[in-house]
PDB file of N, CA and C in Angstrom:
ATOM      1  N   MET A   1      21.276 180.176 154.770  1.00  0.00           N
ATOM      2  CA  MET A   1      21.225 179.296 153.616  1.00  0.00           C
ATOM      3  C   MET A   1      20.242 179.828 152.558  1.00  0.00           C
ATOM      4  N   LEU A   2      19.063 180.216 152.999  1.00  0.00           N
ATOM      5  CA  LEU A   2      18.053 180.729 152.079  1.00  0.00           C
ATOM      6  C   LEU A   2      18.533 182.008 151.401  1.00  0.00           C
ATOM      7  N   LYS A   3      19.262 182.814 152.146  1.00  0.00           N
ATOM      8  CA  LYS A   3      19.804 184.057 151.586  1.00  0.00           C
ATOM      9  C   LYS A   3      20.786 183.755 150.450  1.00  0.00           C
ATOM     10  N   ASN A   4      21.605 182.727 150.608  1.00  0.00           N
ATOM     11  CA  ASN A   4      22.557 182.329 149.565  1.00  0.00           C
ATOM     12  C   ASN A   4      21.843 181.853 148.307  1.00  0.00           C
ATOM     13  N   ILE A   5      20.769 181.127 148.469  1.00  0.00           N
ATOM     14  CA  ILE A   5      19.998 180.636 147.323  1.00  0.00           C
ATOM     15  C   ILE A   5      19.395 181.805 146.558  1.00  0.00           C
ATOM     16  N   LYS A   6      18.906 182.813 147.282  1.00  0.00           N
ATOM     17  CA  LYS A   6      18.335 183.988 146.629  1.00  0.00           C
ATOM     18  C   LYS A   6      19.386 184.737 145.807  1.00  0.00           C
ATOM     19  N   LEU A   7      20.621 184.682 146.244  1.00  0.00           N
ATOM     20  CA  LEU A   7      21.698 185.327 145.501  1.00  0.00           C
ATOM     21  C   LEU A   7      22.129 184.517 144.289  1.00  0.00           C
ATOM     22  N   VAL A   8      22.089 183.210 144.387  1.00  0.00           N
ATOM     23  CA  VAL A   8      22.584 182.323 143.340  1.00  0.00           C
ATOM     24  C   VAL A   8      21.553 182.124 142.219  1.00  0.00           C
ATOM     25  N   LEU A   9      20.275 182.068 142.553  1.00  0.00           N
ATOM     26  CA  LEU A   9      19.239 181.790 141.551  1.00  0.00           C
ATOM     27  C   LEU A   9      19.227 182.790 140.392  1.00  0.00           C
ATOM     28  N   PRO A  10      19.294 184.095 140.624  1.00  0.00           N
ATOM     29  CA  PRO A  10      19.327 185.016 139.473  1.00  0.00           C
ATOM     30  C   PRO A  10      20.555 184.797 138.584  1.00  0.00           C
ATOM     31  N   PHE A  11      21.676 184.482 139.199  1.00  0.00           N
ATOM     32  CA  PHE A  11      22.897 184.233 138.441  1.00  0.00           C
ATOM     33  C   PHE A  11      22.732 182.996 137.555  1.00  0.00           C
ATOM     34  N   ILE A  12      22.157 181.937 138.084  1.00  0.00           N
ATOM     35  CA  ILE A  12      21.926 180.709 137.311  1.00  0.00           C
ATOM     36  C   ILE A  12      20.945 180.986 136.169  1.00  0.00           C
ATOM     37  N   ALA A  13      19.909 181.746 136.447  1.00  0.00           N
ATOM     38  CA  ALA A  13      18.933 182.083 135.405  1.00  0.00           C
ATOM     39  C   ALA A  13      19.595 182.885 134.286  1.00  0.00           C
ATOM     40  N   PHE A  14      20.488 183.806 134.648  1.00  0.00           N
ATOM     41  CA  PHE A  14      21.210 184.589 133.651  1.00  0.00           C
ATOM     42  C   PHE A  14      22.080 183.684 132.789  1.00  0.00           C
ATOM     43  N   LEU A  15      22.791 182.751 133.404  1.00  0.00           N
ATOM     44  CA  LEU A  15      23.653 181.833 132.650  1.00  0.00           C
ATOM     45  C   LEU A  15      22.861 180.991 131.661  1.00  0.00           C
ATOM     46  N   ILE A  16      21.736 180.484 132.113  1.00  0.00           N
ATOM     47  CA  ILE A  16      20.906 179.652 131.235  1.00  0.00           C
ATOM     48  C   ILE A  16      20.379 180.480 130.065  1.00  0.00           C
ATOM     49  N   ALA A  17      19.928 181.694 130.330  1.00  0.00           N
ATOM     50  CA  ALA A  17      19.383 182.548 129.276  1.00  0.00           C
ATOM     51  C   ALA A  17      20.463 182.994 128.296  1.00  0.00           C
ATOM     52  N   SER A  18      21.671 183.202 128.781  1.00  0.00           N
ATOM     53  CA  SER A  18      22.725 183.711 127.896  1.00  0.00           C
ATOM     54  C   SER A  18      23.317 182.646 126.992  1.00  0.00           C
ATOM     55  N   CYS A  19      23.105 181.387 127.302  1.00  0.00           N
ATOM     56  CA  CYS A  19      23.649 180.318 126.461  1.00  0.00           C
ATOM     57  C   CYS A  19      23.000 180.310 125.090  1.00  0.00           C
ATOM     58  N   GLY A  20      21.751 180.641 125.027  1.00  0.00           N
ATOM     59  CA  GLY A  20      21.062 180.707 123.740  1.00  0.00           C
ATOM     60  C   GLY A  20      20.658 179.338 123.242  1.00  0.00           C
ATOM     61  N   GLY A  21      19.516 179.291 122.623  1.00  0.00           N
ATOM     62  CA  GLY A  21      19.034 178.049 122.045  1.00  0.00           C
ATOM     63  C   GLY A  21      18.814 178.228 120.565  1.00  0.00           C
ATOM     64  N   LYS A  22      18.160 177.239 119.976  1.00  0.00           N
ATOM     65  CA  LYS A  22      17.837 177.327 118.560  1.00  0.00           C
ATOM     66  C   LYS A  22      16.869 178.474 118.310  1.00  0.00           C
ATOM     67  N   LEU A  23      17.065 179.147 117.203  1.00  0.00           N
ATOM     68  CA  LEU A  23      16.225 180.284 116.835  1.00  0.00           C
ATOM     69  C   LEU A  23      15.126 179.839 115.872  1.00  0.00           C
ATOM     70  N   ASP A  24      14.083 180.657 115.762  1.00  0.00           N
ATOM     71  CA  ASP A  24      13.021 180.392 114.796  1.00  0.00           C
ATOM     72  C   ASP A  24      13.543 180.761 113.413  1.00  0.00           C
ATOM     73  N   ALA A  25      13.663 179.787 112.552  1.00  0.00           N
ATOM     74  CA  ALA A  25      14.184 180.003 111.203  1.00  0.00           C
ATOM     75  C   ALA A  25      13.074 179.968 110.158  1.00  0.00           C
ATOM     76  N   GLY A  26      11.872 180.257 110.566  1.00  0.00           N
ATOM     77  CA  GLY A  26      10.761 180.296 109.614  1.00  0.00           C
ATOM     78  C   GLY A  26      10.593 178.968 108.903  1.00  0.00           C
ATOM     79  N   ASN A  27      10.455 179.019 107.582  1.00  0.00           N
ATOM     80  CA  ASN A  27      10.247 177.813 106.774  1.00  0.00           C
ATOM     81  C   ASN A  27      11.540 177.258 106.175  1.00  0.00           C
ATOM     82  N   ILE A  28      12.681 177.701 106.675  1.00  0.00           N
ATOM     83  CA  ILE A  28      13.951 177.193 106.165  1.00  0.00           C
ATOM     84  C   ILE A  28      14.111 175.737 106.608  1.00  0.00           C
ATOM     85  N   ASN A  29      14.468 174.880 105.663  1.00  0.00           N
ATOM     86  CA  ASN A  29      14.698 173.468 105.968  1.00  0.00           C
ATOM     87  C   ASN A  29      16.094 173.334 106.581  1.00  0.00           C
ATOM     88  N   LEU A  30      16.149 173.312 107.903  1.00  0.00           N
ATOM     89  CA  LEU A  30      17.439 173.309 108.595  1.00  0.00           C
ATOM     90  C   LEU A  30      18.210 172.006 108.428  1.00  0.00           C
ATOM     91  N   ASP A  31      17.519 170.898 108.204  1.00  0.00           N
ATOM     92  CA  ASP A  31      18.229 169.634 107.940  1.00  0.00           C
ATOM     93  C   ASP A  31      18.984 169.739 106.620  1.00  0.00           C
ATOM     94  N   ASN A  32      18.305 170.263 105.593  1.00  0.00           N
ATOM     95  CA  ASN A  32      18.976 170.478 104.304  1.00  0.00           C
ATOM     96  C   ASN A  32      20.121 171.474 104.456  1.00  0.00           C
ATOM     97  N   TRP A  33      19.854 172.552 105.185  1.00  0.00           N
ATOM     98  CA  TRP A  33      20.846 173.605 105.370  1.00  0.00           C
ATOM     99  C   TRP A  33      22.133 173.035 105.967  1.00  0.00           C
ATOM    100  N   LYS A  34      21.978 172.287 107.055  1.00  0.00           N
ATOM    101  CA  LYS A  34      23.149 171.750 107.759  1.00  0.00           C
ATOM    102  C   LYS A  34      23.889 170.696 106.946  1.00  0.00           C
ATOM    103  N   SER A  35      23.186 169.986 106.084  1.00  0.00           N
ATOM    104  CA  SER A  35      23.836 168.945 105.285  1.00  0.00           C
ATOM    105  C   SER A  35      24.495 169.505 104.018  1.00  0.00           C
ATOM    106  N   ASP A  36      24.312 170.793 103.763  1.00  0.00           N
ATOM    107  CA  ASP A  36      24.821 171.405 102.532  1.00  0.00           C
ATOM    108  C   ASP A  36      26.024 172.311 102.817  1.00  0.00           C
ATOM    109  N   ARG A  37      27.085 171.731 103.382  1.00  0.00           N
ATOM    110  CA  ARG A  37      28.291 172.513 103.691  1.00  0.00           C
ATOM    111  C   ARG A  37      28.818 173.180 102.433  1.00  0.00           C
ATOM    112  N   TYR A  38      29.183 174.427 102.547  1.00  0.00           N
ATOM    113  CA  TYR A  38      29.740 175.242 101.461  1.00  0.00           C
ATOM    114  C   TYR A  38      28.782 175.406 100.280  1.00  0.00           C
ATOM    115  N   GLY A  39      27.510 175.056 100.438  1.00  0.00           N
ATOM    116  CA  GLY A  39      26.522 175.196  99.372  1.00  0.00           C
ATOM    117  C   GLY A  39      26.711 174.219  98.228  1.00  0.00           C
ATOM    118  N   CYS A  40      27.497 173.161  98.463  1.00  0.00           N
ATOM    119  CA  CYS A  40      27.867 172.229  97.383  1.00  0.00           C
ATOM    120  C   CYS A  40      26.689 171.496  96.758  1.00  0.00           C
ATOM    121  N   LYS A  41      25.663 171.179  97.533  1.00  0.00           N
ATOM    122  CA  LYS A  41      24.526 170.407  97.022  1.00  0.00           C
ATOM    123  C   LYS A  41      23.430 171.271  96.400  1.00  0.00           C
ATOM    124  N   GLY A  42      23.522 172.586  96.593  1.00  0.00           N
ATOM    125  CA  GLY A  42      22.492 173.474  96.053  1.00  0.00           C
ATOM    126  C   GLY A  42      21.200 173.468  96.843  1.00  0.00           C
ATOM    127  N   LEU A  43      21.240 173.023  98.095  1.00  0.00           N
ATOM    128  CA  LEU A  43      20.023 172.967  98.909  1.00  0.00           C
ATOM    129  C   LEU A  43      19.729 174.291  99.613  1.00  0.00           C
ATOM    130  N   ARG A  44      20.757 174.981 100.033  1.00  0.00           N
ATOM    131  CA  ARG A  44      20.555 176.241 100.770  1.00  0.00           C
ATOM    132  C   ARG A  44      19.936 177.323  99.904  1.00  0.00           C
ATOM    133  N   ILE A  45      20.292 177.368  98.647  1.00  0.00           N
ATOM    134  CA  ILE A  45      19.800 178.417  97.760  1.00  0.00           C
ATOM    135  C   ILE A  45      18.276 178.354  97.622  1.00  0.00           C
ATOM    136  N   GLN A  46      17.686 177.178  97.864  1.00  0.00           N
ATOM    137  CA  GLN A  46      16.235 177.017  97.794  1.00  0.00           C
ATOM    138  C   GLN A  46      15.516 177.854  98.849  1.00  0.00           C
ATOM    139  N   ASP A  47      16.218 178.196  99.932  1.00  0.00           N
ATOM    140  CA  ASP A  47      15.609 178.944 101.030  1.00  0.00           C
ATOM    141  C   ASP A  47      15.990 180.422 101.039  1.00  0.00           C
ATOM    142  N   VAL A  48      16.558 180.923  99.961  1.00  0.00           N
ATOM    143  CA  VAL A  48      17.056 182.301  99.948  1.00  0.00           C
ATOM    144  C   VAL A  48      15.932 183.331 100.126  1.00  0.00           C
ATOM    145  N   GLU A  49      14.757 183.090  99.563  1.00  0.00           N
ATOM    146  CA  GLU A  49      13.641 184.027  99.712  1.00  0.00           C
ATOM    147  C   GLU A  49      13.160 184.079 101.156  1.00  0.00           C
ATOM    148  N   GLU A  50      13.047 182.925 101.789  1.00  0.00           N
ATOM    149  CA  GLU A  50      12.629 182.872 103.198  1.00  0.00           C
ATOM    150  C   GLU A  50      13.673 183.564 104.072  1.00  0.00           C
ATOM    151  N   LEU A  51      14.940 183.311 103.785  1.00  0.00           N
ATOM    152  CA  LEU A  51      16.018 183.934 104.544  1.00  0.00           C
ATOM    153  C   LEU A  51      15.970 185.453 104.388  1.00  0.00           C
ATOM    154  N   GLN A  52      15.703 185.924 103.196  1.00  0.00           N
ATOM    155  CA  GLN A  52      15.599 187.366 102.938  1.00  0.00           C
ATOM    156  C   GLN A  52      14.477 187.973 103.781  1.00  0.00           C
ATOM    157  N   LYS A  53      13.359 187.245 103.914  1.00  0.00           N
ATOM    158  CA  LYS A  53      12.210 187.753 104.677  1.00  0.00           C
ATOM    159  C   LYS A  53      12.494 187.852 106.173  1.00  0.00           C
ATOM    160  N   ILE A  54      13.232 186.887 106.719  1.00  0.00           N
ATOM    161  CA  ILE A  54      13.377 186.809 108.172  1.00  0.00           C
ATOM    162  C   ILE A  54      14.752 187.219 108.698  1.00  0.00           C
ATOM    163  N   LYS A  55      15.654 187.630 107.843  1.00  0.00           N
ATOM    164  CA  LYS A  55      17.038 187.884 108.280  1.00  0.00           C
ATOM    165  C   LYS A  55      17.145 188.912 109.400  1.00  0.00           C
ATOM    166  N   GLN A  56      16.268 189.901 109.438  1.00  0.00           N
ATOM    167  CA  GLN A  56      16.344 190.931 110.481  1.00  0.00           C
ATOM    168  C   GLN A  56      15.974 190.386 111.865  1.00  0.00           C
ATOM    169  N   THR A  57      15.290 189.251 111.919  1.00  0.00           N
ATOM    170  CA  THR A  57      14.920 188.685 113.225  1.00  0.00           C
ATOM    171  C   THR A  57      16.138 188.137 113.973  1.00  0.00           C
ATOM    172  N   PHE A  58      17.250 187.957 113.282  1.00  0.00           N
ATOM    173  CA  PHE A  58      18.455 187.420 113.924  1.00  0.00           C
ATOM    174  C   PHE A  58      19.310 188.507 114.569  1.00  0.00           C
ATOM    175  N   LEU A  59      18.980 189.761 114.340  1.00  0.00           N
ATOM    176  CA  LEU A  59      19.745 190.857 114.930  1.00  0.00           C
ATOM    177  C   LEU A  59      19.675 190.779 116.457  1.00  0.00           C
ATOM    178  N   GLY A  60      20.815 190.922 117.096  1.00  0.00           N
ATOM    179  CA  GLY A  60      20.883 190.878 118.552  1.00  0.00           C
ATOM    180  C   GLY A  60      21.047 189.489 119.137  1.00  0.00           C
ATOM    181  N   GLU A  61      20.921 188.465 118.312  1.00  0.00           N
ATOM    182  CA  GLU A  61      21.093 187.093 118.802  1.00  0.00           C
ATOM    183  C   GLU A  61      22.584 186.806 118.988  1.00  0.00           C
ATOM    184  N   ASN A  62      22.901 185.844 119.863  1.00  0.00           N
ATOM    185  CA  ASN A  62      24.316 185.543 120.094  1.00  0.00           C
ATOM    186  C   ASN A  62      24.832 184.491 119.117  1.00  0.00           C
ATOM    187  N   ASN A  63      26.146 184.425 119.012  1.00  0.00           N
ATOM    188  CA  ASN A  63      26.769 183.530 118.035  1.00  0.00           C
ATOM    189  C   ASN A  63      26.435 182.064 118.283  1.00  0.00           C
ATOM    190  N   GLN A  64      26.276 181.661 119.531  1.00  0.00           N
ATOM    191  CA  GLN A  64      25.961 180.265 119.824  1.00  0.00           C
ATOM    192  C   GLN A  64      24.567 179.892 119.331  1.00  0.00           C
ATOM    193  N   SER A  65      23.627 180.817 119.400  1.00  0.00           N
ATOM    194  CA  SER A  65      22.275 180.559 118.879  1.00  0.00           C
ATOM    195  C   SER A  65      22.302 180.400 117.366  1.00  0.00           C
ATOM    196  N   ILE A  66      23.134 181.188 116.689  1.00  0.00           N
ATOM    197  CA  ILE A  66      23.266 181.059 115.231  1.00  0.00           C
ATOM    198  C   ILE A  66      23.836 179.676 114.901  1.00  0.00           C
ATOM    199  N   ILE A  67      24.855 179.249 115.631  1.00  0.00           N
ATOM    200  CA  ILE A  67      25.463 177.935 115.384  1.00  0.00           C
ATOM    201  C   ILE A  67      24.481 176.811 115.685  1.00  0.00           C
ATOM    202  N   LYS A  68      23.718 176.926 116.762  1.00  0.00           N
ATOM    203  CA  LYS A  68      22.738 175.885 117.096  1.00  0.00           C
ATOM    204  C   LYS A  68      21.641 175.800 116.041  1.00  0.00           C
ATOM    205  N   THR A  69      21.319 176.919 115.427  1.00  0.00           N
ATOM    206  CA  THR A  69      20.255 176.948 114.421  1.00  0.00           C
ATOM    207  C   THR A  69      20.748 176.487 113.059  1.00  0.00           C
ATOM    208  N   PHE A  70      21.844 177.073 112.577  1.00  0.00           N
ATOM    209  CA  PHE A  70      22.306 176.840 111.205  1.00  0.00           C
ATOM    210  C   PHE A  70      23.499 175.882 111.096  1.00  0.00           C
ATOM    211  N   GLY A  71      24.028 175.447 112.211  1.00  0.00           N
ATOM    212  CA  GLY A  71      25.201 174.577 112.193  1.00  0.00           C
ATOM    213  C   GLY A  71      26.481 175.406 112.140  1.00  0.00           C
ATOM    214  N   ARG A  72      27.585 174.709 112.143  1.00  0.00           N
ATOM    215  CA  ARG A  72      28.895 175.359 112.106  1.00  0.00           C
ATOM    216  C   ARG A  72      29.014 176.201 110.837  1.00  0.00           C
ATOM    217  N   PRO A  73      29.496 177.445 110.951  1.00  0.00           N
ATOM    218  CA  PRO A  73      29.649 178.273 109.747  1.00  0.00           C
ATOM    219  C   PRO A  73      30.645 177.650 108.768  1.00  0.00           C
ATOM    220  N   ASP A  74      30.446 177.932 107.487  1.00  0.00           N
ATOM    221  CA  ASP A  74      31.391 177.458 106.476  1.00  0.00           C
ATOM    222  C   ASP A  74      32.735 178.154 106.630  1.00  0.00           C
ATOM    223  N   ARG A  75      32.700 179.391 107.062  1.00  0.00           N
ATOM    224  CA  ARG A  75      33.926 180.153 107.253  1.00  0.00           C
ATOM    225  C   ARG A  75      33.666 181.196 108.340  1.00  0.00           C
ATOM    226  N   VAL A  76      34.677 181.450 109.155  1.00  0.00           N
ATOM    227  CA  VAL A  76      34.621 182.518 110.150  1.00  0.00           C
ATOM    228  C   VAL A  76      35.787 183.446 109.860  1.00  0.00           C
ATOM    229  N   GLU A  77      35.494 184.727 109.796  1.00  0.00           N
ATOM    230  CA  GLU A  77      36.543 185.708 109.538  1.00  0.00           C
ATOM    231  C   GLU A  77      36.563 186.720 110.666  1.00  0.00           C
ATOM    232  N   LEU A  78      37.709 186.802 111.331  1.00  0.00           N
ATOM    233  CA  LEU A  78      37.902 187.788 112.384  1.00  0.00           C
ATOM    234  C   LEU A  78      38.470 189.048 111.745  1.00  0.00           C
ATOM    235  N   VAL A  79      37.714 190.143 111.805  1.00  0.00           N
ATOM    236  CA  VAL A  79      38.132 191.385 111.166  1.00  0.00           C
ATOM    237  C   VAL A  79      39.076 192.150 112.081  1.00  0.00           C
ATOM    238  N   ASP A  80      38.687 192.310 113.298  1.00  0.00           N
ATOM    239  CA  ASP A  80      39.536 192.901 114.323  1.00  0.00           C
ATOM    240  C   ASP A  80      38.983 192.430 115.663  1.00  0.00           C
ATOM    241  N   LYS A  81      39.449 193.000 116.738  1.00  0.00           N
ATOM    242  CA  LYS A  81      38.993 192.544 118.054  1.00  0.00           C
ATOM    243  C   LYS A  81      37.525 192.843 118.305  1.00  0.00           C
ATOM    244  N   SER A  82      36.954 193.736 117.507  1.00  0.00           N
ATOM    245  CA  SER A  82      35.589 194.154 117.781  1.00  0.00           C
ATOM    246  C   SER A  82      34.530 193.512 116.884  1.00  0.00           C
ATOM    247  N   GLN A  83      34.924 192.760 115.857  1.00  0.00           N
ATOM    248  CA  GLN A  83      33.904 192.138 115.018  1.00  0.00           C
ATOM    249  C   GLN A  83      34.436 190.927 114.265  1.00  0.00           C
ATOM    250  N   SER A  84      33.507 190.045 113.941  1.00  0.00           N
ATOM    251  CA  SER A  84      33.825 188.870 113.135  1.00  0.00           C
ATOM    252  C   SER A  84      32.619 188.577 112.251  1.00  0.00           C
ATOM    253  N   PHE A  85      32.817 187.704 111.272  1.00  0.00           N
ATOM    254  CA  PHE A  85      31.754 187.321 110.347  1.00  0.00           C
ATOM    255  C   PHE A  85      31.610 185.809 110.314  1.00  0.00           C
ATOM    256  N   PHE A  86      30.366 185.338 110.285  1.00  0.00           N
ATOM    257  CA  PHE A  86      30.055 183.942 110.003  1.00  0.00           C
ATOM    258  C   PHE A  86      29.584 183.902 108.554  1.00  0.00           C
ATOM    259  N   PHE A  87      30.204 183.046 107.730  1.00  0.00           N
ATOM    260  CA  PHE A  87      29.820 182.861 106.330  1.00  0.00           C
ATOM    261  C   PHE A  87      29.057 181.542 106.204  1.00  0.00           C
ATOM    262  N   TYR A  88      27.939 181.561 105.509  1.00  0.00           N
ATOM    263  CA  TYR A  88      27.227 180.349 105.089  1.00  0.00           C
ATOM    264  C   TYR A  88      27.002 180.509 103.588  1.00  0.00           C
ATOM    265  N   PHE A  89      27.618 179.660 102.785  1.00  0.00           N
ATOM    266  CA  PHE A  89      27.488 179.766 101.335  1.00  0.00           C
ATOM    267  C   PHE A  89      26.135 179.236 100.878  1.00  0.00           C
ATOM    268  N   LEU A  90      25.476 179.999 100.017  1.00  0.00           N
ATOM    269  CA  LEU A  90      24.189 179.610  99.446  1.00  0.00           C
ATOM    270  C   LEU A  90      24.386 178.944  98.092  1.00  0.00           C
ATOM    271  N   GLU A  91      25.434 179.322  97.386  1.00  0.00           N
ATOM    272  CA  GLU A  91      25.812 178.727  96.099  1.00  0.00           C
ATOM    273  C   GLU A  91      27.118 177.973  96.305  1.00  0.00           C
ATOM    274  N   PRO A  92      27.407 176.997  95.450  1.00  0.00           N
ATOM    275  CA  PRO A  92      28.650 176.233  95.608  1.00  0.00           C
ATOM    276  C   PRO A  92      29.881 177.138  95.641  1.00  0.00           C
ATOM    277  N   SER A  93      30.716 176.924  96.631  1.00  0.00           N
ATOM    278  CA  SER A  93      31.930 177.716  96.787  1.00  0.00           C
ATOM    279  C   SER A  93      33.127 176.951  96.229  1.00  0.00           C
ATOM    280  N   GLY A  94      34.261 177.592  96.221  1.00  0.00           N
ATOM    281  CA  GLY A  94      35.487 176.961  95.762  1.00  0.00           C
ATOM    282  C   GLY A  94      35.929 175.805  96.634  1.00  0.00           C
ATOM    283  N   ASP A  95      35.309 175.637  97.806  1.00  0.00           N
ATOM    284  CA  ASP A  95      35.619 174.519  98.693  1.00  0.00           C
ATOM    285  C   ASP A  95      34.896 173.236  98.295  1.00  0.00           C
ATOM    286  N   CYS A  96      33.996 173.317  97.324  1.00  0.00           N
ATOM    287  CA  CYS A  96      33.271 172.139  96.849  1.00  0.00           C
ATOM    288  C   CYS A  96      34.155 171.377  95.862  1.00  0.00           C
ATOM    289  N   GLU A  97      34.132 170.074  95.974  1.00  0.00           N
ATOM    290  CA  GLU A  97      34.932 169.234  95.093  1.00  0.00           C
ATOM    291  C   GLU A  97      34.461 169.378  93.647  1.00  0.00           C
ATOM    292  N   GLY A  98      35.395 169.647  92.760  1.00  0.00           N
ATOM    293  CA  GLY A  98      35.089 169.735  91.336  1.00  0.00           C
ATOM    294  C   GLY A  98      34.429 171.025  90.903  1.00  0.00           C
ATOM    295  N   VAL A  99      34.344 172.004  91.791  1.00  0.00           N
ATOM    296  CA  VAL A  99      33.696 173.266  91.449  1.00  0.00           C
ATOM    297  C   VAL A  99      34.753 174.346  91.287  1.00  0.00           C
ATOM    298  N   GLU A 100      34.739 174.971  90.132  1.00  0.00           N
ATOM    299  CA  GLU A 100      35.584 176.142  89.892  1.00  0.00           C
ATOM    300  C   GLU A 100      34.645 177.293  89.607  1.00  0.00           C
ATOM    301  N   THR A 101      34.717 178.313  90.434  1.00  0.00           N
ATOM    302  CA  THR A 101      33.794 179.437  90.291  1.00  0.00           C
ATOM    303  C   THR A 101      34.475 180.599  89.586  1.00  0.00           C
ATOM    304  N   GLU A 102      33.729 181.218  88.667  1.00  0.00           N
ATOM    305  CA  GLU A 102      34.229 182.395  87.962  1.00  0.00           C
ATOM    306  C   GLU A 102      33.896 183.666  88.738  1.00  0.00           C
ATOM    307  N   LYS A 103      32.857 183.598  89.547  1.00  0.00           N
ATOM    308  CA  LYS A 103      32.460 184.736  90.366  1.00  0.00           C
ATOM    309  C   LYS A 103      32.327 184.268  91.815  1.00  0.00           C
ATOM    310  N   GLU A 104      32.293 185.224  92.706  1.00  0.00           N
ATOM    311  CA  GLU A 104      32.123 184.891  94.112  1.00  0.00           C
ATOM    312  C   GLU A 104      30.717 184.321  94.325  1.00  0.00           C
ATOM    313  N   PRO A 105      30.601 183.218  95.061  1.00  0.00           N
ATOM    314  CA  PRO A 105      29.279 182.628  95.296  1.00  0.00           C
ATOM    315  C   PRO A 105      28.439 183.473  96.260  1.00  0.00           C
ATOM    316  N   LEU A 106      27.129 183.355  96.102  1.00  0.00           N
ATOM    317  CA  LEU A 106      26.195 184.023  96.998  1.00  0.00           C
ATOM    318  C   LEU A 106      26.331 183.405  98.383  1.00  0.00           C
ATOM    319  N   ARG A 107      26.291 184.246  99.414  1.00  0.00           N
ATOM    320  CA  ARG A 107      26.447 183.768 100.790  1.00  0.00           C
ATOM    321  C   ARG A 107      25.639 184.659 101.715  1.00  0.00           C
ATOM    322  N   VAL A 108      25.361 184.139 102.896  1.00  0.00           N
ATOM    323  CA  VAL A 108      24.778 184.969 103.946  1.00  0.00           C
ATOM    324  C   VAL A 108      25.888 185.229 104.956  1.00  0.00           C
ATOM    325  N   LEU A 109      26.013 186.499 105.342  1.00  0.00           N
ATOM    326  CA  LEU A 109      27.017 186.920 106.314  1.00  0.00           C
ATOM    327  C   LEU A 109      26.319 187.382 107.580  1.00  0.00           C
ATOM    328  N   PHE A 110      26.723 186.816 108.695  1.00  0.00           N
ATOM    329  CA  PHE A 110      26.277 187.292 110.001  1.00  0.00           C
ATOM    330  C   PHE A 110      27.454 188.064 110.598  1.00  0.00           C
ATOM    331  N   ARG A 111      27.280 189.370 110.767  1.00  0.00           N
ATOM    332  CA  ARG A 111      28.340 190.192 111.386  1.00  0.00           C
ATOM    333  C   ARG A 111      28.123 190.154 112.897  1.00  0.00           C
ATOM    334  N   MET A 112      29.178 189.771 113.626  1.00  0.00           N
ATOM    335  CA  MET A 112      29.131 189.709 115.078  1.00  0.00           C
ATOM    336  C   MET A 112      29.897 190.888 115.656  1.00  0.00           C
ATOM    337  N   ASN A 113      29.343 191.518 116.672  1.00  0.00           N
ATOM    338  CA  ASN A 113      30.048 192.617 117.314  1.00  0.00           C
ATOM    339  C   ASN A 113      30.987 192.085 118.404  1.00  0.00           C
ATOM    340  N   ALA A 114      31.559 192.977 119.189  1.00  0.00           N
ATOM    341  CA  ALA A 114      32.558 192.604 120.185  1.00  0.00           C
ATOM    342  C   ALA A 114      32.015 191.671 121.265  1.00  0.00           C
ATOM    343  N   ILE A 115      30.717 191.691 121.502  1.00  0.00           N
ATOM    344  CA  ILE A 115      30.141 190.798 122.518  1.00  0.00           C
ATOM    345  C   ILE A 115      29.414 189.609 121.875  1.00  0.00           C
ATOM    346  N   SER A 116      29.817 189.279 120.654  1.00  0.00           N
ATOM    347  CA  SER A 116      29.321 188.101 119.916  1.00  0.00           C
ATOM    348  C   SER A 116      27.822 188.118 119.665  1.00  0.00           C
ATOM    349  N   LYS A 117      27.279 189.295 119.445  1.00  0.00           N
ATOM    350  CA  LYS A 117      25.869 189.441 119.070  1.00  0.00           C
ATOM    351  C   LYS A 117      25.798 189.833 117.597  1.00  0.00           C
ATOM    352  N   VAL A 118      24.764 189.352 116.906  1.00  0.00           N
ATOM    353  CA  VAL A 118      24.581 189.675 115.490  1.00  0.00           C
ATOM    354  C   VAL A 118      24.215 191.150 115.357  1.00  0.00           C
ATOM    355  N   SER A 119      25.020 191.881 114.580  1.00  0.00           N
ATOM    356  CA  SER A 119      24.737 193.301 114.364  1.00  0.00           C
ATOM    357  C   SER A 119      24.276 193.581 112.928  1.00  0.00           C
ATOM    358  N   GLU A 120      24.461 192.599 112.034  1.00  0.00           N
ATOM    359  CA  GLU A 120      24.044 192.776 110.636  1.00  0.00           C
ATOM    360  C   GLU A 120      23.929 191.402 109.982  1.00  0.00           C
ATOM    361  N   VAL A 121      22.935 191.257 109.120  1.00  0.00           N
ATOM    362  CA  VAL A 121      22.784 190.041 108.314  1.00  0.00           C
ATOM    363  C   VAL A 121      22.652 190.485 106.869  1.00  0.00           C
ATOM    364  N   THR A 122      23.561 189.965 106.019  1.00  0.00           N
ATOM    365  CA  THR A 122      23.608 190.382 104.622  1.00  0.00           C
ATOM    366  C   THR A 122      23.663 189.160 103.717  1.00  0.00           C
ATOM    367  N   ILE A 123      22.915 189.207 102.623  1.00  0.00           N
ATOM    368  CA  ILE A 123      23.002 188.178 101.582  1.00  0.00           C
ATOM    369  C   ILE A 123      23.707 188.844 100.409  1.00  0.00           C
ATOM    370  N   THR A 124      24.880 188.340 100.057  1.00  0.00           N
ATOM    371  CA  THR A 124      25.725 189.040  99.093  1.00  0.00           C
ATOM    372  C   THR A 124      26.715 188.111  98.391  1.00  0.00           C
ATOM    373  N   ASN A 125      27.288 188.626  97.309  1.00  0.00           N
ATOM    374  CA  ASN A 125      28.407 187.953  96.629  1.00  0.00           C
ATOM    375  C   ASN A 125      29.750 188.561  97.063  1.00  0.00           C
ATOM    376  N   LEU A 126      29.691 189.665  97.798  1.00  0.00           N
ATOM    377  CA  LEU A 126      30.891 190.395  98.168  1.00  0.00           C
ATOM    378  C   LEU A 126      31.482 189.875  99.478  1.00  0.00           C
ATOM    379  N   ASN A 127      32.775 190.001  99.614  1.00  0.00           N
ATOM    380  CA  ASN A 127      33.438 189.693 100.877  1.00  0.00           C
ATOM    381  C   ASN A 127      33.359 190.919 101.774  1.00  0.00           C
ATOM    382  N   PRO A 128      33.372 190.713 103.082  1.00  0.00           N
ATOM    383  CA  PRO A 128      33.286 191.868 103.996  1.00  0.00           C
ATOM    384  C   PRO A 128      34.488 192.784 103.882  1.00  0.00           C
TER     385      PRO A 128
END
């Protein structure tokens, strides 16, 4: 019996660690962030400087930790079987009621690799 427990405990510890929890988002107001879907309220753009400072700390984190920290992405784009992108709009997007944009809105892109780990974080107006 004790031998079985010794075999199971490392596996359970691995499962708990791999689930991922909330990440340290510095001074970003996560309540504002989560309530500002598609950047419609203009709350996310207030944290763009802080995000620029800490964006590299998210490299290697899993997709579930990003979702637990920043909420559901505004858009997910699957590029191929080996990568996907999480979009969080910082400026109002075309999905906001009454907003017509002449240019692409500023957004943060989290590039996920084949094992759902962040491989790049970019703040840009461009699509991947």
